[in-house]
Amino acid sequence: MTSTRSDRVRLVASLSGRSARSKHGQFRVEGPQAVRSLLDAWSDWATALFLTDAARTDHPDLVHLAAEAGLPITPVTAEVITAMVRDQGQQSVVSPQGVIATARIVETPWLELLERAAGSGGEADGSPVTIVAADRLQDPGNAGTLLRTADASGAAAVFFGDGSVDPYAPKTVRSTAGSLFHVPFARRVPLADLLTECTRRRITTAATSGYAHTSLFSTDLPGRIAWLMGNEARGLGEDLLQRADLSIAIPLSGRAESLNLATAAALCLFESARRR
């Protein structure tokens, strides 16, 4: 494929937008690492793979994984790859290195995901489990880093509340560095209902707040815990703060007023992993 104006190129480029992703039921995956994870873990959901000649040479494992999945490879020029990653007329700030794929959007009902996570260590009888929920998370980079951190720390699931950024947005997918395909997640989750269901499954809900008097590093953390992370600018909604079982602060020693949301989530998730 050499034409930058073909219908296929336009379709892939349009997946930068939420409405196009919803219309086509697909999203875009950029770069060899993310595409490798897609083909390794979600090969049944991959719909197309585009490689330049240089990418074929540099990443023969992608060719092998595509063959195993029965996914045809479309050879493209570097110019076509550039056209596919244009966001509102501007080239993506991250080069996909000659590798782009598309995949079907997978929707997991949040209650089903919670049920699986609650029993991830066996029966829901006290077996350790860590999950994380994000309230109106707006930044795609933070959302992607949250998924990547949840994956790295061994969390069982991630729940994105109503009003949060779409985890299938290209920048979010890039920021996950492939973890989108490793850790289960659900989007558009009613977090008040999630808290109720966590209580039924003996999962303690822990709200992160700079005003809490309980320190992350000195309090006893339960083995079954759901971390609640708030909006970047406004924090957790007051209703969620009031309903959470625990309110926990990360102690700050320097003069910084607060931590980046993704950094705060990393500290909480890895502290749970350390205790676990």
C-alpha atoms as a PDB file:
ATOM      1  CA  MET A   1       0.000   0.000   0.000  1.00  0.00           C
ATOM      2  CA  THR A   2       1.509   3.277  -1.128  1.00  0.00           C
ATOM      3  CA  SER A   3      -1.387   5.750  -1.305  1.00  0.00           C
ATOM      4  CA  THR A   4      -1.756   7.940   1.774  1.00  0.00           C
ATOM      5  CA  ARG A   5      -5.318   8.772   0.709  1.00  0.00           C
ATOM      6  CA  SER A   6      -6.754   5.278   0.490  1.00  0.00           C
ATOM      7  CA  ASP A   7      -9.896   4.387   2.431  1.00  0.00           C
ATOM      8  CA  ARG A   8      -7.969   1.967   4.676  1.00  0.00           C
ATOM      9  CA  VAL A   9      -5.445   4.628   5.622  1.00  0.00           C
ATOM     10  CA  ARG A  10      -8.242   7.069   6.402  1.00  0.00           C
ATOM     11  CA  LEU A  11     -10.039   4.498   8.527  1.00  0.00           C
ATOM     12  CA  VAL A  12      -6.932   3.726  10.599  1.00  0.00           C
ATOM     13  CA  ALA A  13      -6.211   7.445  11.023  1.00  0.00           C
ATOM     14  CA  SER A  14      -9.814   8.115  12.075  1.00  0.00           C
ATOM     15  CA  LEU A  15      -9.435   5.765  15.050  1.00  0.00           C
ATOM     16  CA  SER A  16      -7.783   8.661  16.876  1.00  0.00           C
ATOM     17  CA  GLY A  17     -11.357   9.780  17.584  1.00  0.00           C
ATOM     18  CA  ARG A  18     -13.707   8.205  20.123  1.00  0.00           C
ATOM     19  CA  SER A  19     -16.694   8.369  17.755  1.00  0.00           C
ATOM     20  CA  ALA A  20     -14.819   6.530  14.986  1.00  0.00           C
ATOM     21  CA  ARG A  21     -13.655   3.860  17.442  1.00  0.00           C
ATOM     22  CA  SER A  22     -17.245   3.409  18.568  1.00  0.00           C
ATOM     23  CA  LYS A  23     -18.579   3.323  15.010  1.00  0.00           C
ATOM     24  CA  HIS A  24     -16.076   0.751  13.751  1.00  0.00           C
ATOM     25  CA  GLY A  25     -15.620  -1.152  17.010  1.00  0.00           C
ATOM     26  CA  GLN A  26     -11.852  -0.999  16.542  1.00  0.00           C
ATOM     27  CA  PHE A  27      -8.816   0.806  17.931  1.00  0.00           C
ATOM     28  CA  ARG A  28      -5.263   1.469  16.752  1.00  0.00           C
ATOM     29  CA  VAL A  29      -2.111  -0.106  18.169  1.00  0.00           C
ATOM     30  CA  GLU A  30       1.223   1.574  17.374  1.00  0.00           C
ATOM     31  CA  GLY A  31       4.809   0.381  17.593  1.00  0.00           C
ATOM     32  CA  PRO A  32       6.493  -3.020  17.771  1.00  0.00           C
ATOM     33  CA  GLN A  33       6.235  -3.522  21.533  1.00  0.00           C
ATOM     34  CA  ALA A  34       2.501  -2.865  21.752  1.00  0.00           C
ATOM     35  CA  VAL A  35       1.746  -4.844  18.585  1.00  0.00           C
ATOM     36  CA  ARG A  36       3.866  -7.724  19.889  1.00  0.00           C
ATOM     37  CA  SER A  37       1.766  -7.806  23.061  1.00  0.00           C
ATOM     38  CA  LEU A  38      -1.424  -7.632  21.001  1.00  0.00           C
ATOM     39  CA  LEU A  39      -0.436 -10.606  18.842  1.00  0.00           C
ATOM     40  CA  ASP A  40       0.853 -12.559  21.805  1.00  0.00           C
ATOM     41  CA  ALA A  41      -2.131 -12.056  24.126  1.00  0.00           C
ATOM     42  CA  TRP A  42      -5.052 -10.808  21.999  1.00  0.00           C
ATOM     43  CA  SER A  43      -4.361 -12.328  18.584  1.00  0.00           C
ATOM     44  CA  ASP A  44      -8.006 -13.345  18.139  1.00  0.00           C
ATOM     45  CA  TRP A  45      -9.002  -9.689  18.326  1.00  0.00           C
ATOM     46  CA  ALA A  46      -6.428  -8.317  15.847  1.00  0.00           C
ATOM     47  CA  THR A  47      -7.987  -7.214  12.558  1.00  0.00           C
ATOM     48  CA  ALA A  48      -5.066  -5.880  10.502  1.00  0.00           C
ATOM     49  CA  LEU A  49      -1.293  -5.514  10.580  1.00  0.00           C
ATOM     50  CA  PHE A  50       0.697  -2.966   8.587  1.00  0.00           C
ATOM     51  CA  LEU A  51       4.481  -3.231   8.284  1.00  0.00           C
ATOM     52  CA  THR A  52       7.103  -1.372   6.311  1.00  0.00           C
ATOM     53  CA  ASP A  53       9.888  -3.386   4.680  1.00  0.00           C
ATOM     54  CA  ALA A  54      12.317  -2.103   7.309  1.00  0.00           C
ATOM     55  CA  ALA A  55      10.003  -3.208  10.127  1.00  0.00           C
ATOM     56  CA  ARG A  56       9.769  -6.689   8.617  1.00  0.00           C
ATOM     57  CA  THR A  57      13.544  -6.917   8.742  1.00  0.00           C
ATOM     58  CA  ASP A  58      13.903  -5.419  12.220  1.00  0.00           C
ATOM     59  CA  HIS A  59      11.065  -7.385  13.828  1.00  0.00           C
ATOM     60  CA  PRO A  60      10.824 -10.871  12.302  1.00  0.00           C
ATOM     61  CA  ASP A  61       9.013 -12.086  15.439  1.00  0.00           C
ATOM     62  CA  LEU A  62       5.997  -9.967  14.436  1.00  0.00           C
ATOM     63  CA  VAL A  63       5.857 -11.755  11.114  1.00  0.00           C
ATOM     64  CA  HIS A  64       6.002 -15.090  12.928  1.00  0.00           C
ATOM     65  CA  LEU A  65       3.302 -14.115  15.435  1.00  0.00           C
ATOM     66  CA  ALA A  66       1.037 -12.857  12.638  1.00  0.00           C
ATOM     67  CA  ALA A  67       1.475 -16.137  10.757  1.00  0.00           C
ATOM     68  CA  GLU A  68       0.591 -18.117  13.877  1.00  0.00           C
ATOM     69  CA  ALA A  69      -2.532 -16.006  14.310  1.00  0.00           C
ATOM     70  CA  GLY A  70      -3.499 -16.299  10.650  1.00  0.00           C
ATOM     71  CA  LEU A  71      -3.380 -12.514  10.339  1.00  0.00           C
ATOM     72  CA  PRO A  72      -2.397 -11.217   6.876  1.00  0.00           C
ATOM     73  CA  ILE A  73       0.288  -8.548   6.739  1.00  0.00           C
ATOM     74  CA  THR A  74      -0.220  -5.496   4.550  1.00  0.00           C
ATOM     75  CA  PRO A  75       3.108  -4.043   3.310  1.00  0.00           C
ATOM     76  CA  VAL A  76       3.106  -0.251   3.486  1.00  0.00           C
ATOM     77  CA  THR A  77       5.467   2.640   2.919  1.00  0.00           C
ATOM     78  CA  ALA A  78       6.783   4.898   5.660  1.00  0.00           C
ATOM     79  CA  GLU A  79       4.591   7.684   4.256  1.00  0.00           C
ATOM     80  CA  VAL A  80       1.478   5.547   4.758  1.00  0.00           C
ATOM     81  CA  ILE A  81       2.467   4.820   8.362  1.00  0.00           C
ATOM     82  CA  THR A  82       2.851   8.564   8.966  1.00  0.00           C
ATOM     83  CA  ALA A  83      -0.600   9.222   7.484  1.00  0.00           C
ATOM     84  CA  MET A  84      -2.134   6.568   9.738  1.00  0.00           C
ATOM     85  CA  VAL A  85      -0.998   8.247  12.944  1.00  0.00           C
ATOM     86  CA  ARG A  86      -2.093  11.775  12.188  1.00  0.00           C
ATOM     87  CA  ASP A  87      -4.182  13.199  15.037  1.00  0.00           C
ATOM     88  CA  GLN A  88      -6.390  16.035  13.765  1.00  0.00           C
ATOM     89  CA  GLY A  89      -3.977  16.730  10.960  1.00  0.00           C
ATOM     90  CA  GLN A  90      -0.828  16.524  13.077  1.00  0.00           C
ATOM     91  CA  GLN A  91       1.622  13.645  13.061  1.00  0.00           C
ATOM     92  CA  SER A  92       1.696  11.610  16.264  1.00  0.00           C
ATOM     93  CA  VAL A  93       4.545  12.690  18.536  1.00  0.00           C
ATOM     94  CA  VAL A  94       5.598   9.051  18.931  1.00  0.00           C
ATOM     95  CA  SER A  95       6.950   7.222  15.884  1.00  0.00           C
ATOM     96  CA  PRO A  96       5.341   3.795  15.402  1.00  0.00           C
ATOM     97  CA  GLN A  97       8.615   2.534  13.866  1.00  0.00           C
ATOM     98  CA  GLY A  98       6.887   1.184  10.781  1.00  0.00           C
ATOM     99  CA  VAL A  99       4.442  -0.984  12.746  1.00  0.00           C
ATOM    100  CA  ILE A 100       0.697  -0.432  13.157  1.00  0.00           C
ATOM    101  CA  ALA A 101      -2.141  -2.832  13.888  1.00  0.00           C
ATOM    102  CA  THR A 102      -5.854  -2.526  14.452  1.00  0.00           C
ATOM    103  CA  ALA A 103      -7.938  -4.650  16.796  1.00  0.00           C
ATOM    104  CA  ARG A 104     -11.535  -5.102  17.855  1.00  0.00           C
ATOM    105  CA  ILE A 105     -12.630  -3.338  21.016  1.00  0.00           C
ATOM    106  CA  VAL A 106     -13.310  -5.813  23.804  1.00  0.00           C
ATOM    107  CA  GLU A 107     -15.951  -4.802  26.347  1.00  0.00           C
ATOM    108  CA  THR A 108     -15.866  -6.683  29.646  1.00  0.00           C
ATOM    109  CA  PRO A 109     -18.890  -6.063  31.907  1.00  0.00           C
ATOM    110  CA  TRP A 110     -17.482  -4.511  35.068  1.00  0.00           C
ATOM    111  CA  LEU A 111     -19.439  -6.756  37.425  1.00  0.00           C
ATOM    112  CA  GLU A 112     -18.199  -9.861  35.636  1.00  0.00           C
ATOM    113  CA  LEU A 113     -14.644  -8.556  35.844  1.00  0.00           C
ATOM    114  CA  LEU A 114     -15.000  -7.850  39.560  1.00  0.00           C
ATOM    115  CA  GLU A 115     -16.374 -11.331  40.134  1.00  0.00           C
ATOM    116  CA  ARG A 116     -13.345 -12.858  38.424  1.00  0.00           C
ATOM    117  CA  ALA A 117     -10.925 -10.598  40.277  1.00  0.00           C
ATOM    118  CA  ALA A 118     -12.523 -11.267  43.666  1.00  0.00           C
ATOM    119  CA  GLY A 119     -11.827 -14.949  43.267  1.00  0.00           C
ATOM    120  CA  SER A 120      -8.454 -14.588  41.560  1.00  0.00           C
ATOM    121  CA  GLY A 121      -6.679 -16.128  44.532  1.00  0.00           C
ATOM    122  CA  GLY A 122      -9.288 -18.815  45.057  1.00  0.00           C
ATOM    123  CA  GLU A 123     -12.681 -18.529  46.723  1.00  0.00           C
ATOM    124  CA  ALA A 124     -13.695 -15.046  47.863  1.00  0.00           C
ATOM    125  CA  ASP A 125     -12.889 -15.997  51.448  1.00  0.00           C
ATOM    126  CA  GLY A 126      -9.980 -13.762  52.305  1.00  0.00           C
ATOM    127  CA  SER A 127      -7.546 -14.635  49.518  1.00  0.00           C
ATOM    128  CA  PRO A 128      -5.376 -11.582  48.698  1.00  0.00           C
ATOM    129  CA  VAL A 129      -6.459  -9.434  45.776  1.00  0.00           C
ATOM    130  CA  THR A 130      -5.629  -5.892  44.675  1.00  0.00           C
ATOM    131  CA  ILE A 131      -7.692  -3.863  42.231  1.00  0.00           C
ATOM    132  CA  VAL A 132      -7.663  -0.170  41.327  1.00  0.00           C
ATOM    133  CA  ALA A 133     -10.453   2.180  40.261  1.00  0.00           C
ATOM    134  CA  ALA A 134     -10.044   5.620  38.682  1.00  0.00           C
ATOM    135  CA  ASP A 135     -12.573   8.407  39.203  1.00  0.00           C
ATOM    136  CA  ARG A 136     -12.936  10.752  36.193  1.00  0.00           C
ATOM    137  CA  LEU A 137      -9.335  10.226  35.097  1.00  0.00           C
ATOM    138  CA  GLN A 138      -8.718  12.701  32.271  1.00  0.00           C
ATOM    139  CA  ASP A 139      -5.132  12.386  31.079  1.00  0.00           C
ATOM    140  CA  PRO A 140      -4.490   9.578  28.540  1.00  0.00           C
ATOM    141  CA  GLY A 141      -0.869   9.267  29.669  1.00  0.00           C
ATOM    142  CA  ASN A 142      -1.928   8.792  33.282  1.00  0.00           C
ATOM    143  CA  ALA A 143      -4.514   6.207  32.247  1.00  0.00           C
ATOM    144  CA  GLY A 144      -1.934   4.258  30.285  1.00  0.00           C
ATOM    145  CA  THR A 145       0.619   4.444  33.081  1.00  0.00           C
ATOM    146  CA  LEU A 146      -2.032   3.266  35.544  1.00  0.00           C
ATOM    147  CA  LEU A 147      -2.656   0.160  33.438  1.00  0.00           C
ATOM    148  CA  ARG A 148       1.078  -0.445  33.068  1.00  0.00           C
ATOM    149  CA  THR A 149       1.645  -0.077  36.820  1.00  0.00           C
ATOM    150  CA  ALA A 150      -1.297  -2.341  37.646  1.00  0.00           C
ATOM    151  CA  ASP A 151       0.169  -4.955  35.342  1.00  0.00           C
ATOM    152  CA  ALA A 152       3.677  -4.647  36.819  1.00  0.00           C
ATOM    153  CA  SER A 153       2.458  -4.774  40.430  1.00  0.00           C
ATOM    154  CA  GLY A 154       0.252  -7.821  39.936  1.00  0.00           C
ATOM    155  CA  ALA A 155      -3.101  -6.088  40.344  1.00  0.00           C
ATOM    156  CA  ALA A 156      -6.075  -8.206  39.302  1.00  0.00           C
ATOM    157  CA  ALA A 157      -8.078  -5.536  37.456  1.00  0.00           C
ATOM    158  CA  VAL A 158      -8.476  -1.837  36.648  1.00  0.00           C
ATOM    159  CA  PHE A 159     -11.830  -0.032  36.603  1.00  0.00           C
ATOM    160  CA  PHE A 160     -12.243   3.302  34.816  1.00  0.00           C
ATOM    161  CA  GLY A 161     -15.193   5.247  36.217  1.00  0.00           C
ATOM    162  CA  ASP A 162     -17.772   7.181  34.229  1.00  0.00           C
ATOM    163  CA  GLY A 163     -16.238  10.328  32.786  1.00  0.00           C
ATOM    164  CA  SER A 164     -12.734   8.868  32.502  1.00  0.00           C
ATOM    165  CA  VAL A 165     -10.609   8.958  29.369  1.00  0.00           C
ATOM    166  CA  ASP A 166     -11.099   6.105  26.921  1.00  0.00           C
ATOM    167  CA  PRO A 167      -8.428   3.422  27.517  1.00  0.00           C
ATOM    168  CA  TYR A 168      -8.584   2.644  23.783  1.00  0.00           C
ATOM    169  CA  ALA A 169      -7.443   6.154  22.784  1.00  0.00           C
ATOM    170  CA  PRO A 170      -4.124   5.980  20.879  1.00  0.00           C
ATOM    171  CA  LYS A 171      -2.120   7.944  23.466  1.00  0.00           C
ATOM    172  CA  THR A 172      -3.429   5.723  26.253  1.00  0.00           C
ATOM    173  CA  VAL A 173      -2.611   2.573  24.305  1.00  0.00           C
ATOM    174  CA  ARG A 174       0.908   3.862  23.662  1.00  0.00           C
ATOM    175  CA  SER A 175       1.387   4.739  27.325  1.00  0.00           C
ATOM    176  CA  THR A 176       0.524   1.211  28.457  1.00  0.00           C
ATOM    177  CA  ALA A 177       3.581  -0.162  26.587  1.00  0.00           C
ATOM    178  CA  GLY A 178       1.627  -3.360  25.890  1.00  0.00           C
ATOM    179  CA  SER A 179       0.079  -3.759  29.350  1.00  0.00           C
ATOM    180  CA  LEU A 180      -3.358  -2.977  27.899  1.00  0.00           C
ATOM    181  CA  PHE A 181      -3.319  -6.590  26.727  1.00  0.00           C
ATOM    182  CA  HIS A 182      -2.101  -8.058  30.023  1.00  0.00           C
ATOM    183  CA  VAL A 183      -4.285  -6.650  32.801  1.00  0.00           C
ATOM    184  CA  PRO A 184      -8.101  -6.948  32.695  1.00  0.00           C
ATOM    185  CA  PHE A 185      -9.969  -3.642  32.715  1.00  0.00           C
ATOM    186  CA  ALA A 186     -13.436  -2.197  32.311  1.00  0.00           C
ATOM    187  CA  ARG A 187     -14.529   1.293  31.295  1.00  0.00           C
ATOM    188  CA  ARG A 188     -17.565   3.488  32.052  1.00  0.00           C
ATOM    189  CA  VAL A 189     -17.909   1.880  35.476  1.00  0.00           C
ATOM    190  CA  PRO A 190     -20.395   3.323  38.031  1.00  0.00           C
ATOM    191  CA  LEU A 191     -17.957   3.602  40.923  1.00  0.00           C
ATOM    192  CA  ALA A 192     -20.597   3.956  43.650  1.00  0.00           C
ATOM    193  CA  ASP A 193     -21.988   0.581  42.581  1.00  0.00           C
ATOM    194  CA  LEU A 194     -18.470  -0.825  42.413  1.00  0.00           C
ATOM    195  CA  LEU A 195     -17.872   0.105  46.057  1.00  0.00           C
ATOM    196  CA  THR A 196     -21.079  -1.632  47.082  1.00  0.00           C
ATOM    197  CA  GLU A 197     -20.097  -4.791  45.231  1.00  0.00           C
ATOM    198  CA  CYS A 198     -16.578  -4.704  46.703  1.00  0.00           C
ATOM    199  CA  THR A 199     -18.092  -4.688  50.191  1.00  0.00           C
ATOM    200  CA  ARG A 200     -20.194  -7.720  49.323  1.00  0.00           C
ATOM    201  CA  ARG A 201     -17.031  -9.536  48.275  1.00  0.00           C
ATOM    202  CA  ARG A 202     -15.051  -8.554  51.376  1.00  0.00           C
ATOM    203  CA  ILE A 203     -12.768  -6.197  49.453  1.00  0.00           C
ATOM    204  CA  THR A 204     -11.803  -3.113  51.477  1.00  0.00           C
ATOM    205  CA  THR A 205     -12.078   0.164  49.556  1.00  0.00           C
ATOM    206  CA  ALA A 206      -9.243   2.636  50.190  1.00  0.00           C
ATOM    207  CA  ALA A 207      -9.549   6.251  49.101  1.00  0.00           C
ATOM    208  CA  THR A 208      -6.364   8.204  48.484  1.00  0.00           C
ATOM    209  CA  SER A 209      -6.529  11.717  49.911  1.00  0.00           C
ATOM    210  CA  GLY A 210      -3.974  14.345  50.814  1.00  0.00           C
ATOM    211  CA  TYR A 211      -6.158  15.281  53.786  1.00  0.00           C
ATOM    212  CA  ALA A 212      -6.259  11.828  55.341  1.00  0.00           C
ATOM    213  CA  HIS A 213      -4.579  11.291  58.717  1.00  0.00           C
ATOM    214  CA  THR A 214      -3.639   7.670  58.012  1.00  0.00           C
ATOM    215  CA  SER A 215      -0.245   7.138  56.343  1.00  0.00           C
ATOM    216  CA  LEU A 216       0.201   4.610  53.554  1.00  0.00           C
ATOM    217  CA  PHE A 217       3.436   3.345  55.098  1.00  0.00           C
ATOM    218  CA  SER A 218       2.366   3.015  58.725  1.00  0.00           C
ATOM    219  CA  THR A 219      -1.155   1.616  58.560  1.00  0.00           C
ATOM    220  CA  ASP A 220      -2.188  -2.030  58.285  1.00  0.00           C
ATOM    221  CA  LEU A 221      -3.342  -2.669  54.749  1.00  0.00           C
ATOM    222  CA  PRO A 222      -5.878  -5.441  54.207  1.00  0.00           C
ATOM    223  CA  GLY A 223      -4.989  -8.250  51.816  1.00  0.00           C
ATOM    224  CA  ARG A 224      -8.139  -7.642  49.770  1.00  0.00           C
ATOM    225  CA  ILE A 225      -8.095  -3.998  48.727  1.00  0.00           C
ATOM    226  CA  ALA A 226      -9.524  -1.702  46.064  1.00  0.00           C
ATOM    227  CA  TRP A 227      -7.512   1.497  45.619  1.00  0.00           C
ATOM    228  CA  LEU A 228      -9.581   4.520  44.574  1.00  0.00           C
ATOM    229  CA  MET A 229      -7.663   7.138  42.596  1.00  0.00           C
ATOM    230  CA  GLY A 230      -9.183  10.567  42.002  1.00  0.00           C
ATOM    231  CA  ASN A 231      -9.288  13.089  39.195  1.00  0.00           C
ATOM    232  CA  GLU A 232      -5.953  14.811  38.487  1.00  0.00           C
ATOM    233  CA  ALA A 233      -7.195  18.282  39.429  1.00  0.00           C
ATOM    234  CA  ARG A 234     -10.031  17.687  41.901  1.00  0.00           C
ATOM    235  CA  GLY A 235      -9.196  14.344  43.487  1.00  0.00           C
ATOM    236  CA  LEU A 236     -11.855  11.828  44.452  1.00  0.00           C
ATOM    237  CA  GLY A 237     -15.473  12.865  44.482  1.00  0.00           C
ATOM    238  CA  GLU A 238     -16.790  13.611  47.962  1.00  0.00           C
ATOM    239  CA  ASP A 239     -19.366  10.817  47.708  1.00  0.00           C
ATOM    240  CA  LEU A 240     -16.657   8.235  47.094  1.00  0.00           C
ATOM    241  CA  LEU A 241     -14.474   9.651  49.863  1.00  0.00           C
ATOM    242  CA  GLN A 242     -17.344   9.318  52.316  1.00  0.00           C
ATOM    243  CA  ARG A 243     -18.252   5.796  51.241  1.00  0.00           C
ATOM    244  CA  ALA A 244     -14.732   4.326  51.201  1.00  0.00           C
ATOM    245  CA  ASP A 245     -13.736   2.071  54.094  1.00  0.00           C
ATOM    246  CA  LEU A 246     -10.333   3.732  54.499  1.00  0.00           C
ATOM    247  CA  SER A 247      -8.871   7.154  53.718  1.00  0.00           C
ATOM    248  CA  ILE A 248      -5.119   7.019  53.204  1.00  0.00           C
ATOM    249  CA  ALA A 249      -2.491   9.688  52.526  1.00  0.00           C
ATOM    250  CA  ILE A 250       0.964   9.331  51.019  1.00  0.00           C
ATOM    251  CA  PRO A 251       3.305  11.270  53.336  1.00  0.00           C
ATOM    252  CA  LEU A 252       5.315  13.983  51.574  1.00  0.00           C
ATOM    253  CA  SER A 253       8.637  15.083  53.040  1.00  0.00           C
ATOM    254  CA  GLY A 254       9.578  17.841  50.641  1.00  0.00           C
ATOM    255  CA  ARG A 255       7.801  20.995  49.525  1.00  0.00           C
ATOM    256  CA  ALA A 256       5.758  19.438  46.721  1.00  0.00           C
ATOM    257  CA  GLU A 257       2.056  20.047  47.213  1.00  0.00           C
ATOM    258  CA  SER A 258       0.983  16.739  45.739  1.00  0.00           C
ATOM    259  CA  LEU A 259       1.992  13.789  43.556  1.00  0.00           C
ATOM    260  CA  ASN A 260       1.109  13.021  39.977  1.00  0.00           C
ATOM    261  CA  LEU A 261      -1.815  10.595  39.922  1.00  0.00           C
ATOM    262  CA  ALA A 262       0.142   7.847  38.180  1.00  0.00           C
ATOM    263  CA  THR A 263       2.973   8.193  40.725  1.00  0.00           C
ATOM    264  CA  ALA A 264       0.538   7.990  43.634  1.00  0.00           C
ATOM    265  CA  ALA A 265      -1.070   4.895  42.121  1.00  0.00           C
ATOM    266  CA  ALA A 266       2.339   3.268  41.684  1.00  0.00           C
ATOM    267  CA  LEU A 267       3.212   3.824  45.353  1.00  0.00           C
ATOM    268  CA  CYS A 268      -0.113   2.400  46.560  1.00  0.00           C
ATOM    269  CA  LEU A 269      -0.108  -0.590  44.245  1.00  0.00           C
ATOM    270  CA  PHE A 270       3.476  -1.561  44.965  1.00  0.00           C
ATOM    271  CA  GLU A 271       2.992  -1.095  48.697  1.00  0.00           C
ATOM    272  CA  SER A 272       0.105  -3.554  48.441  1.00  0.00           C
ATOM    273  CA  ALA A 273       2.335  -5.875  46.417  1.00  0.00           C
ATOM    274  CA  ARG A 274       5.096  -5.610  49.033  1.00  0.00           C
ATOM    275  CA  ARG A 275       2.697  -6.484  51.851  1.00  0.00           C
ATOM    276  CA  ARG A 276       1.156  -9.263  49.801  1.00  0.00           C
END
